[in-house]
Amino acid sequence: MKDATQSSIEEALTCQCGCGLTVHSCNHVQCPSGIPLKEEIAAQLALGKPRAEVLAHFSTKYGEKILSAPTTTGFNLVAWITPFAVVFLAGALIVMASRRWRRPLAPAAPPPVPVAADEARRARLNAELDRFDA
């Protein structure tokens, strides 16, 4: 487990000013959200609270939206699994399609010749050859 440091907790929380960055990365000068959050993190750490307890405090106070990464419990587990499942399924589909495209086509069988027609041709050919020899 990570040690509770100011910067690690700031990276785990999303700034609420609307920039979409973490509290640590927020680059707004005099940010109305980032500065108070940094001060509150420092106060929580001064009380000797561990990282999990500090994050739980902010999650309780602001809701899960303040966490920069979704939790790995409940419905949020879908947010972690879905990207990997999509990549796996896409890879499987690509492998299946490439195997199917590489498979050689079976040669087409010649159409069946009726036996009666073959005998009739053979008899006609023999008759023509006999007439030619004569």
N, C-alpha and C. Protein backbone atom coordinates (compact mmCIF):
# COMPACT_ATOMS: atom_id res chain seq x y z
N MET A 1 0.84 -1.17 0.00
CA MET A 1 0.00 0.00 0.00
C MET A 1 0.89 1.24 0.00
N LYS A 2 0.46 2.27 -0.74
CA LYS A 2 1.26 3.49 -0.83
C LYS A 2 1.22 4.26 0.49
N ASP A 3 2.31 4.96 0.74
CA ASP A 3 2.34 5.84 1.90
C ASP A 3 1.44 7.03 1.62
N ALA A 4 0.91 7.59 2.69
CA ALA A 4 0.04 8.77 2.55
C ALA A 4 0.92 10.00 2.42
N THR A 5 1.12 10.43 1.18
CA THR A 5 1.86 11.67 0.94
C THR A 5 0.91 12.68 0.32
N GLN A 6 1.25 13.92 0.47
CA GLN A 6 0.42 14.99 -0.07
C GLN A 6 0.21 14.80 -1.58
N SER A 7 1.31 14.59 -2.32
CA SER A 7 1.18 14.51 -3.78
C SER A 7 0.44 13.24 -4.22
N SER A 8 0.62 12.10 -3.51
CA SER A 8 -0.09 10.88 -3.93
C SER A 8 -1.59 11.02 -3.73
N ILE A 9 -2.00 11.69 -2.69
CA ILE A 9 -3.43 11.91 -2.46
C ILE A 9 -3.97 12.94 -3.44
N GLU A 10 -3.18 13.98 -3.73
CA GLU A 10 -3.61 14.98 -4.71
C GLU A 10 -3.80 14.33 -6.08
N GLU A 11 -2.95 13.35 -6.43
CA GLU A 11 -3.09 12.65 -7.71
C GLU A 11 -4.32 11.73 -7.72
N ALA A 12 -4.76 11.29 -6.57
CA ALA A 12 -5.91 10.38 -6.49
C ALA A 12 -7.24 11.13 -6.50
N LEU A 13 -7.20 12.46 -6.40
CA LEU A 13 -8.43 13.25 -6.37
C LEU A 13 -8.53 14.14 -7.60
N THR A 14 -9.75 14.29 -8.11
CA THR A 14 -10.00 15.15 -9.27
C THR A 14 -10.37 16.54 -8.80
N CYS A 15 -9.77 17.53 -9.43
CA CYS A 15 -10.09 18.92 -9.08
C CYS A 15 -11.54 19.21 -9.48
N GLN A 16 -12.24 19.94 -8.65
CA GLN A 16 -13.67 20.20 -8.88
C GLN A 16 -13.94 21.51 -9.59
N CYS A 17 -12.89 22.15 -10.13
CA CYS A 17 -13.10 23.43 -10.82
C CYS A 17 -13.60 23.25 -12.25
N GLY A 18 -13.59 22.01 -12.72
CA GLY A 18 -14.08 21.74 -14.07
C GLY A 18 -12.97 21.52 -15.08
N CYS A 19 -11.72 21.57 -14.65
CA CYS A 19 -10.61 21.40 -15.59
C CYS A 19 -10.43 19.94 -15.99
N GLY A 20 -10.90 19.02 -15.18
CA GLY A 20 -10.77 17.60 -15.48
C GLY A 20 -9.43 17.01 -15.08
N LEU A 21 -8.57 17.79 -14.46
CA LEU A 21 -7.26 17.32 -14.03
C LEU A 21 -7.31 16.89 -12.57
N THR A 22 -6.24 16.27 -12.12
CA THR A 22 -6.17 15.92 -10.70
C THR A 22 -5.86 17.19 -9.92
N VAL A 23 -6.05 17.12 -8.61
CA VAL A 23 -5.77 18.29 -7.76
C VAL A 23 -4.30 18.66 -7.89
N HIS A 24 -3.43 17.69 -7.98
CA HIS A 24 -1.99 17.93 -8.10
C HIS A 24 -1.64 18.59 -9.43
N SER A 25 -2.36 18.23 -10.51
CA SER A 25 -2.03 18.73 -11.86
C SER A 25 -2.78 19.98 -12.25
N CYS A 26 -3.77 20.40 -11.49
CA CYS A 26 -4.57 21.58 -11.84
C CYS A 26 -3.64 22.79 -11.95
N ASN A 27 -3.71 23.45 -13.11
CA ASN A 27 -2.80 24.56 -13.36
C ASN A 27 -3.49 25.93 -13.36
N HIS A 28 -4.69 25.99 -12.79
CA HIS A 28 -5.36 27.29 -12.71
C HIS A 28 -4.75 28.12 -11.58
N VAL A 29 -4.44 29.34 -11.91
CA VAL A 29 -3.91 30.25 -10.90
C VAL A 29 -5.06 30.61 -9.96
N GLN A 30 -4.84 30.50 -8.67
CA GLN A 30 -5.85 30.77 -7.66
C GLN A 30 -7.12 29.94 -7.89
N CYS A 31 -6.92 28.66 -8.14
CA CYS A 31 -8.04 27.74 -8.40
C CYS A 31 -8.97 27.73 -7.18
N PRO A 32 -10.28 27.99 -7.40
CA PRO A 32 -11.21 28.03 -6.27
C PRO A 32 -11.48 26.65 -5.65
N SER A 33 -11.08 25.60 -6.33
CA SER A 33 -11.31 24.25 -5.81
C SER A 33 -10.01 23.58 -5.38
N GLY A 34 -8.97 23.69 -6.19
CA GLY A 34 -7.72 23.00 -5.94
C GLY A 34 -7.01 23.46 -4.69
N ILE A 35 -6.97 24.75 -4.47
CA ILE A 35 -6.24 25.28 -3.29
C ILE A 35 -6.90 24.83 -1.99
N PRO A 36 -8.23 24.97 -1.82
CA PRO A 36 -8.84 24.47 -0.59
C PRO A 36 -8.70 22.95 -0.41
N LEU A 37 -8.76 22.21 -1.52
CA LEU A 37 -8.59 20.76 -1.42
C LEU A 37 -7.18 20.41 -0.95
N LYS A 38 -6.18 21.11 -1.46
CA LYS A 38 -4.79 20.87 -1.03
C LYS A 38 -4.63 21.16 0.46
N GLU A 39 -5.27 22.25 0.91
CA GLU A 39 -5.19 22.60 2.33
C GLU A 39 -5.89 21.55 3.19
N GLU A 40 -7.03 21.04 2.69
CA GLU A 40 -7.76 20.03 3.45
C GLU A 40 -6.99 18.70 3.49
N ILE A 41 -6.31 18.37 2.39
CA ILE A 41 -5.47 17.17 2.38
C ILE A 41 -4.36 17.30 3.42
N ALA A 42 -3.72 18.47 3.45
CA ALA A 42 -2.64 18.70 4.42
C ALA A 42 -3.17 18.58 5.85
N ALA A 43 -4.38 19.09 6.09
CA ALA A 43 -4.96 19.02 7.44
C ALA A 43 -5.25 17.56 7.82
N GLN A 44 -5.76 16.78 6.85
CA GLN A 44 -6.05 15.37 7.12
C GLN A 44 -4.76 14.60 7.42
N LEU A 45 -3.70 14.89 6.66
CA LEU A 45 -2.42 14.23 6.89
C LEU A 45 -1.80 14.66 8.22
N ALA A 46 -2.03 15.90 8.61
CA ALA A 46 -1.50 16.39 9.89
C ALA A 46 -2.15 15.65 11.07
N LEU A 47 -3.37 15.17 10.87
CA LEU A 47 -4.04 14.39 11.90
C LEU A 47 -3.52 12.95 11.96
N GLY A 48 -2.65 12.60 11.00
CA GLY A 48 -2.05 11.27 10.99
C GLY A 48 -2.92 10.20 10.35
N LYS A 49 -3.87 10.59 9.55
CA LYS A 49 -4.77 9.63 8.90
C LYS A 49 -4.04 8.92 7.77
N PRO A 50 -4.31 7.62 7.58
CA PRO A 50 -3.71 6.90 6.45
C PRO A 50 -4.39 7.30 5.13
N ARG A 51 -3.75 6.93 4.03
CA ARG A 51 -4.21 7.31 2.69
C ARG A 51 -5.66 6.87 2.44
N ALA A 52 -5.98 5.63 2.77
CA ALA A 52 -7.33 5.10 2.53
C ALA A 52 -8.38 5.89 3.30
N GLU A 53 -8.05 6.29 4.51
CA GLU A 53 -9.00 7.04 5.32
C GLU A 53 -9.19 8.45 4.77
N VAL A 54 -8.11 9.06 4.28
CA VAL A 54 -8.21 10.41 3.69
C VAL A 54 -9.07 10.34 2.43
N LEU A 55 -8.83 9.34 1.58
CA LEU A 55 -9.63 9.21 0.36
C LEU A 55 -11.09 8.91 0.69
N ALA A 56 -11.34 8.11 1.71
CA ALA A 56 -12.71 7.82 2.13
C ALA A 56 -13.40 9.09 2.62
N HIS A 57 -12.65 9.95 3.32
CA HIS A 57 -13.20 11.22 3.80
C HIS A 57 -13.67 12.08 2.63
N PHE A 58 -12.82 12.21 1.61
CA PHE A 58 -13.18 13.03 0.45
C PHE A 58 -14.30 12.39 -0.36
N SER A 59 -14.30 11.07 -0.45
CA SER A 59 -15.35 10.37 -1.18
C SER A 59 -16.70 10.55 -0.48
N THR A 60 -16.69 10.53 0.83
CA THR A 60 -17.92 10.74 1.60
C THR A 60 -18.40 12.18 1.45
N LYS A 61 -17.47 13.11 1.49
CA LYS A 61 -17.82 14.53 1.45
C LYS A 61 -18.28 14.98 0.06
N TYR A 62 -17.60 14.52 -1.01
CA TYR A 62 -17.88 15.00 -2.36
C TYR A 62 -18.52 13.95 -3.27
N GLY A 63 -18.57 12.71 -2.82
CA GLY A 63 -19.08 11.64 -3.68
C GLY A 63 -17.93 11.00 -4.46
N GLU A 64 -18.23 9.91 -5.15
CA GLU A 64 -17.20 9.18 -5.89
C GLU A 64 -16.63 9.97 -7.06
N LYS A 65 -17.31 11.03 -7.47
CA LYS A 65 -16.83 11.81 -8.62
C LYS A 65 -15.49 12.47 -8.32
N ILE A 66 -15.14 12.65 -7.05
CA ILE A 66 -13.87 13.29 -6.72
C ILE A 66 -12.69 12.35 -6.92
N LEU A 67 -12.92 11.05 -6.93
CA LEU A 67 -11.82 10.10 -7.12
C LEU A 67 -11.39 10.11 -8.58
N SER A 68 -10.08 10.15 -8.81
CA SER A 68 -9.59 10.22 -10.20
C SER A 68 -9.68 8.88 -10.92
N ALA A 69 -9.83 7.79 -10.18
CA ALA A 69 -10.01 6.46 -10.79
C ALA A 69 -11.21 5.81 -10.12
N PRO A 70 -12.05 5.11 -10.90
CA PRO A 70 -13.21 4.45 -10.29
C PRO A 70 -12.76 3.36 -9.32
N THR A 71 -13.57 3.13 -8.31
CA THR A 71 -13.27 2.06 -7.35
C THR A 71 -13.45 0.71 -8.04
N THR A 72 -12.88 -0.33 -7.48
CA THR A 72 -12.97 -1.65 -8.09
C THR A 72 -14.02 -2.51 -7.40
N THR A 73 -15.11 -1.90 -6.99
CA THR A 73 -16.20 -2.63 -6.35
C THR A 73 -17.51 -2.26 -7.01
N GLY A 74 -18.48 -3.15 -6.89
CA GLY A 74 -19.82 -2.88 -7.39
C GLY A 74 -19.86 -2.67 -8.89
N PHE A 75 -20.71 -1.75 -9.32
CA PHE A 75 -20.90 -1.49 -10.75
C PHE A 75 -19.65 -0.90 -11.38
N ASN A 76 -18.81 -0.21 -10.59
CA ASN A 76 -17.59 0.39 -11.13
C ASN A 76 -16.62 -0.66 -11.65
N LEU A 77 -16.80 -1.89 -11.24
CA LEU A 77 -15.95 -2.97 -11.75
C LEU A 77 -16.12 -3.12 -13.26
N VAL A 78 -17.30 -2.78 -13.76
CA VAL A 78 -17.55 -2.82 -15.20
C VAL A 78 -16.63 -1.83 -15.93
N ALA A 79 -16.38 -0.68 -15.31
CA ALA A 79 -15.50 0.32 -15.92
C ALA A 79 -14.08 -0.20 -16.06
N TRP A 80 -13.68 -1.11 -15.21
CA TRP A 80 -12.35 -1.69 -15.28
C TRP A 80 -12.30 -2.86 -16.26
N ILE A 81 -13.35 -3.67 -16.31
CA ILE A 81 -13.34 -4.89 -17.12
C ILE A 81 -13.67 -4.63 -18.59
N THR A 82 -14.59 -3.74 -18.86
CA THR A 82 -15.09 -3.53 -20.22
C THR A 82 -13.99 -3.24 -21.25
N PRO A 83 -13.07 -2.33 -21.01
CA PRO A 83 -12.04 -2.08 -22.04
C PRO A 83 -11.22 -3.32 -22.37
N PHE A 84 -10.86 -4.09 -21.35
CA PHE A 84 -10.08 -5.30 -21.60
C PHE A 84 -10.90 -6.34 -22.34
N ALA A 85 -12.17 -6.46 -22.00
CA ALA A 85 -13.04 -7.42 -22.67
C ALA A 85 -13.23 -7.04 -24.15
N VAL A 86 -13.39 -5.77 -24.43
CA VAL A 86 -13.57 -5.31 -25.81
C VAL A 86 -12.32 -5.60 -26.62
N VAL A 87 -11.15 -5.32 -26.07
CA VAL A 87 -9.89 -5.59 -26.78
C VAL A 87 -9.73 -7.09 -27.03
N PHE A 88 -10.05 -7.90 -26.03
CA PHE A 88 -9.94 -9.35 -26.18
C PHE A 88 -10.89 -9.86 -27.26
N LEU A 89 -12.14 -9.41 -27.24
CA LEU A 89 -13.11 -9.86 -28.25
C LEU A 89 -12.72 -9.40 -29.65
N ALA A 90 -12.23 -8.18 -29.77
CA ALA A 90 -11.81 -7.67 -31.08
C ALA A 90 -10.64 -8.50 -31.60
N GLY A 91 -9.70 -8.84 -30.73
CA GLY A 91 -8.57 -9.68 -31.14
C GLY A 91 -9.02 -11.05 -31.59
N ALA A 92 -9.97 -11.63 -30.85
CA ALA A 92 -10.48 -12.95 -31.22
C ALA A 92 -11.19 -12.90 -32.57
N LEU A 93 -11.95 -11.85 -32.81
CA LEU A 93 -12.64 -11.71 -34.11
C LEU A 93 -11.64 -11.55 -35.25
N ILE A 94 -10.58 -10.80 -35.02
CA ILE A 94 -9.57 -10.60 -36.06
C ILE A 94 -8.88 -11.93 -36.37
N VAL A 95 -8.54 -12.69 -35.34
CA VAL A 95 -7.89 -13.99 -35.55
C VAL A 95 -8.83 -14.92 -36.32
N MET A 96 -10.10 -14.97 -35.93
CA MET A 96 -11.05 -15.85 -36.63
C MET A 96 -11.21 -15.44 -38.09
N ALA A 97 -11.32 -14.15 -38.34
CA ALA A 97 -11.50 -13.67 -39.71
C ALA A 97 -10.26 -13.95 -40.56
N SER A 98 -9.07 -13.73 -39.99
CA SER A 98 -7.86 -13.97 -40.77
C SER A 98 -7.68 -15.45 -41.08
N ARG A 99 -8.04 -16.32 -40.16
CA ARG A 99 -7.95 -17.76 -40.43
C ARG A 99 -8.94 -18.16 -41.52
N ARG A 100 -10.09 -17.56 -41.49
CA ARG A 100 -11.11 -17.89 -42.49
C ARG A 100 -10.67 -17.41 -43.88
N TRP A 101 -10.05 -16.23 -43.95
CA TRP A 101 -9.64 -15.68 -45.24
C TRP A 101 -8.43 -16.43 -45.81
N ARG A 102 -7.59 -16.98 -44.92
CA ARG A 102 -6.40 -17.70 -45.38
C ARG A 102 -6.72 -19.12 -45.83
N ARG A 103 -7.84 -19.66 -45.43
CA ARG A 103 -8.19 -21.04 -45.75
C ARG A 103 -8.34 -21.19 -47.28
N PRO A 104 -7.64 -22.18 -47.89
CA PRO A 104 -7.75 -22.33 -49.35
C PRO A 104 -9.14 -22.82 -49.73
N LEU A 105 -9.56 -22.36 -50.89
CA LEU A 105 -10.87 -22.78 -51.39
C LEU A 105 -10.75 -24.18 -51.96
N ALA A 106 -11.76 -24.97 -51.76
CA ALA A 106 -11.77 -26.33 -52.31
C ALA A 106 -11.98 -26.24 -53.81
N PRO A 107 -11.21 -27.03 -54.59
CA PRO A 107 -11.41 -26.97 -56.05
C PRO A 107 -12.81 -27.45 -56.41
N ALA A 108 -13.35 -26.81 -57.42
CA ALA A 108 -14.71 -27.15 -57.84
C ALA A 108 -14.68 -28.51 -58.56
N ALA A 109 -15.59 -29.37 -58.20
CA ALA A 109 -15.68 -30.70 -58.83
C ALA A 109 -16.30 -30.54 -60.21
N PRO A 110 -15.80 -31.30 -61.20
CA PRO A 110 -16.40 -31.20 -62.53
C PRO A 110 -17.84 -31.72 -62.50
N PRO A 111 -18.68 -31.18 -63.35
CA PRO A 111 -20.06 -31.63 -63.34
C PRO A 111 -20.13 -33.11 -63.76
N PRO A 112 -21.01 -33.86 -63.15
CA PRO A 112 -21.11 -35.29 -63.49
C PRO A 112 -21.60 -35.48 -64.92
N VAL A 113 -20.99 -36.42 -65.61
CA VAL A 113 -21.39 -36.72 -66.99
C VAL A 113 -22.34 -37.91 -66.94
N PRO A 114 -23.50 -37.77 -67.52
CA PRO A 114 -24.44 -38.90 -67.52
C PRO A 114 -23.84 -40.08 -68.29
N VAL A 115 -23.99 -41.26 -67.76
CA VAL A 115 -23.41 -42.46 -68.34
C VAL A 115 -24.03 -42.78 -69.70
N ALA A 116 -25.33 -42.60 -69.83
CA ALA A 116 -26.01 -42.92 -71.10
C ALA A 116 -25.51 -42.01 -72.21
N ALA A 117 -25.31 -40.73 -71.93
CA ALA A 117 -24.83 -39.81 -72.94
C ALA A 117 -23.41 -40.16 -73.34
N ASP A 118 -22.61 -40.60 -72.39
CA ASP A 118 -21.23 -41.00 -72.69
C ASP A 118 -21.21 -42.22 -73.61
N GLU A 119 -22.06 -43.17 -73.35
CA GLU A 119 -22.14 -44.37 -74.20
C GLU A 119 -22.62 -44.00 -75.60
N ALA A 120 -23.57 -43.11 -75.68
CA ALA A 120 -24.09 -42.70 -76.99
C ALA A 120 -22.99 -41.99 -77.78
N ARG A 121 -22.21 -41.16 -77.16
CA ARG A 121 -21.11 -40.47 -77.85
C ARG A 121 -20.05 -41.47 -78.31
N ARG A 122 -19.74 -42.42 -77.44
CA ARG A 122 -18.73 -43.41 -77.78
C ARG A 122 -19.18 -44.23 -79.02
N ALA A 123 -20.46 -44.60 -79.03
CA ALA A 123 -21.00 -45.37 -80.17
C ALA A 123 -20.96 -44.53 -81.44
N ARG A 124 -21.31 -43.27 -81.35
CA ARG A 124 -21.29 -42.37 -82.51
C ARG A 124 -19.87 -42.18 -83.02
N LEU A 125 -18.89 -42.01 -82.07
CA LEU A 125 -17.49 -41.83 -82.44
C LEU A 125 -16.97 -43.08 -83.15
N ASN A 126 -17.30 -44.26 -82.64
CA ASN A 126 -16.87 -45.51 -83.28
C ASN A 126 -17.47 -45.64 -84.68
N ALA A 127 -18.74 -45.25 -84.82
CA ALA A 127 -19.40 -45.32 -86.15
C ALA A 127 -18.70 -44.37 -87.12
N GLU A 128 -18.37 -43.18 -86.69
CA GLU A 128 -17.71 -42.20 -87.54
C GLU A 128 -16.32 -42.69 -87.92
N LEU A 129 -15.59 -43.32 -86.97
CA LEU A 129 -14.26 -43.81 -87.29
C LEU A 129 -14.32 -44.98 -88.25
N ASP A 130 -15.33 -45.84 -88.11
CA ASP A 130 -15.49 -46.95 -89.04
C ASP A 130 -15.79 -46.41 -90.44
N ARG A 131 -16.63 -45.41 -90.55
CA ARG A 131 -16.95 -44.82 -91.86
C ARG A 131 -15.73 -44.13 -92.45
N PHE A 132 -14.90 -43.53 -91.66
CA PHE A 132 -13.71 -42.82 -92.11
C PHE A 132 -12.68 -43.84 -92.64
N ASP A 133 -12.55 -44.97 -91.98
CA ASP A 133 -11.59 -45.98 -92.41
C ASP A 133 -12.03 -46.65 -93.72
N ALA A 134 -13.29 -46.67 -93.96
CA ALA A 134 -13.78 -47.38 -95.12
C ALA A 134 -13.61 -46.62 -96.41
